[in-house]
């Protein structure tokens, strides 16, 4: 599956506007650099997994709303999982992603 970063940027911008937030406010909430969100929303910059997770938390949604256009707003469990991922380094995030992919394939 190839990700369309321009579409991801549009989804992030749409969610930000739904919440009536400025780019600066979201950058502050997500603890990302000044003007970085502008570049993400225009599809110029490709956000890391960690940045997508931070933006999802800052915009009170799940990363899948940005990545595939499917939001999950019911319950708050996803937020606690997202917070656990926040302090991880790149190697740990790759491992967590692999685990989550494997878990999503299980028929429980």
Protein backbone atom coordinates (compact mmCIF):
# COMPACT_ATOMS: atom_id res chain seq x y z
CA UNK A 1 0.00 0.00 0.00
CA UNK A 2 1.46 3.34 -1.06
CA UNK A 3 0.61 6.32 1.13
CA UNK A 4 -0.62 9.53 -0.50
CA UNK A 5 1.04 12.22 1.61
CA UNK A 6 -0.93 15.05 0.00
CA UNK A 7 -4.17 13.30 0.99
CA UNK A 8 -2.83 12.67 4.49
CA UNK A 9 -2.05 16.39 4.74
CA UNK A 10 -5.56 17.29 3.58
CA UNK A 11 -7.08 14.99 6.20
CA UNK A 12 -4.95 16.55 8.94
CA UNK A 13 -5.94 20.06 7.80
CA UNK A 14 -9.62 19.08 7.65
CA UNK A 15 -9.55 17.72 11.20
CA UNK A 16 -7.69 20.80 12.46
CA UNK A 17 -10.29 23.06 10.89
CA UNK A 18 -13.15 20.96 12.33
CA UNK A 19 -11.72 21.70 15.77
CA UNK A 20 -11.20 25.38 14.83
CA UNK A 21 -7.50 25.25 15.71
CA UNK A 22 -4.67 27.21 14.17
CA UNK A 23 -1.61 25.48 12.80
CA UNK A 24 0.46 27.09 15.56
CA UNK A 25 -1.86 25.71 18.25
CA UNK A 26 -1.62 22.18 16.84
CA UNK A 27 2.17 22.44 16.50
CA UNK A 28 2.35 23.42 20.16
CA UNK A 29 0.01 20.61 21.27
CA UNK A 30 1.90 18.04 19.19
CA UNK A 31 5.29 19.43 20.22
CA UNK A 32 6.50 19.75 16.63
CA UNK A 33 8.53 22.51 15.04
CA UNK A 34 7.28 25.84 13.83
CA UNK A 35 5.89 25.69 10.24
CA UNK A 36 6.28 21.88 10.11
CA UNK A 37 2.50 21.38 10.08
CA UNK A 38 2.18 23.72 7.10
CA UNK A 39 4.54 21.49 5.12
CA UNK A 40 2.76 18.31 6.23
CA UNK A 41 -0.66 19.70 5.29
CA UNK A 42 0.65 20.65 1.82
CA UNK A 43 2.23 17.22 1.32
CA UNK A 44 5.74 18.71 1.17
CA UNK A 45 7.04 17.00 4.33
CA UNK A 46 6.54 13.33 5.13
CA UNK A 47 5.74 12.92 8.83
CA UNK A 48 7.29 10.10 10.85
CA UNK A 49 5.12 7.59 12.67
CA UNK A 50 5.79 9.46 15.89
CA UNK A 51 4.64 12.77 14.39
CA UNK A 52 1.45 11.16 13.03
CA UNK A 53 0.77 9.81 16.52
CA UNK A 54 1.40 13.22 18.10
CA UNK A 55 -0.86 14.95 15.59
CA UNK A 56 -3.61 12.39 16.18
CA UNK A 57 -3.43 12.98 19.94
CA UNK A 58 -3.33 16.77 19.45
CA UNK A 59 -6.34 16.61 17.13
CA UNK A 60 -8.29 14.19 19.36
CA UNK A 61 -8.52 11.39 16.83
CA UNK A 62 -6.69 8.25 15.74
CA UNK A 63 -3.84 7.96 13.23
CA UNK A 64 -6.03 5.91 10.90
CA UNK A 65 -8.17 9.00 10.25
CA UNK A 66 -5.13 10.57 8.61
CA UNK A 67 -3.60 7.48 7.04
CA UNK A 68 -6.70 5.77 5.59
CA UNK A 69 -9.52 8.22 6.26
CA UNK A 70 -11.26 6.16 8.95
CA UNK A 71 -11.75 7.81 12.33
CA UNK A 72 -12.50 6.11 15.60
CA UNK A 73 -13.89 8.52 18.15
CA UNK A 74 -15.72 6.14 20.44
CA UNK A 75 -13.99 5.43 23.74
CA UNK A 76 -10.65 6.76 24.85
CA UNK A 77 -8.52 3.60 24.92
CA UNK A 78 -6.61 4.57 21.77
CA UNK A 79 -5.35 7.69 23.52
CA UNK A 80 -3.70 5.75 26.32
CA UNK A 81 -2.01 3.52 23.72
CA UNK A 82 -0.84 6.60 21.77
CA UNK A 83 0.62 8.08 24.94
CA UNK A 84 2.62 4.90 25.54
CA UNK A 85 4.17 5.30 22.09
CA UNK A 86 5.13 8.95 22.54
CA UNK A 87 8.48 8.45 24.37
CA UNK A 88 9.68 5.55 22.19
CA UNK A 89 12.67 5.91 19.89
CA UNK A 90 12.55 4.98 16.18
CA UNK A 91 13.66 1.38 16.77
CA UNK A 92 11.05 0.87 19.47
CA UNK A 93 8.34 2.45 17.28
CA UNK A 94 9.17 0.05 14.42
CA UNK A 95 8.87 -2.87 16.83
CA UNK A 96 5.58 -1.51 18.23
CA UNK A 97 4.23 -1.09 14.69
CA UNK A 98 5.17 -4.68 13.83
CA UNK A 99 3.44 -5.92 16.96
CA UNK A 100 0.30 -3.89 16.22
CA UNK A 101 0.21 -5.15 12.63
CA UNK A 102 0.52 -8.73 13.84
CA UNK A 103 -2.16 -8.14 16.48
CA UNK A 104 -4.55 -6.63 13.93
CA UNK A 105 -4.27 -9.80 11.84
CA UNK A 106 -5.26 -12.09 14.73
CA UNK A 107 -8.77 -13.47 14.95
CA UNK A 108 -9.44 -13.07 18.69
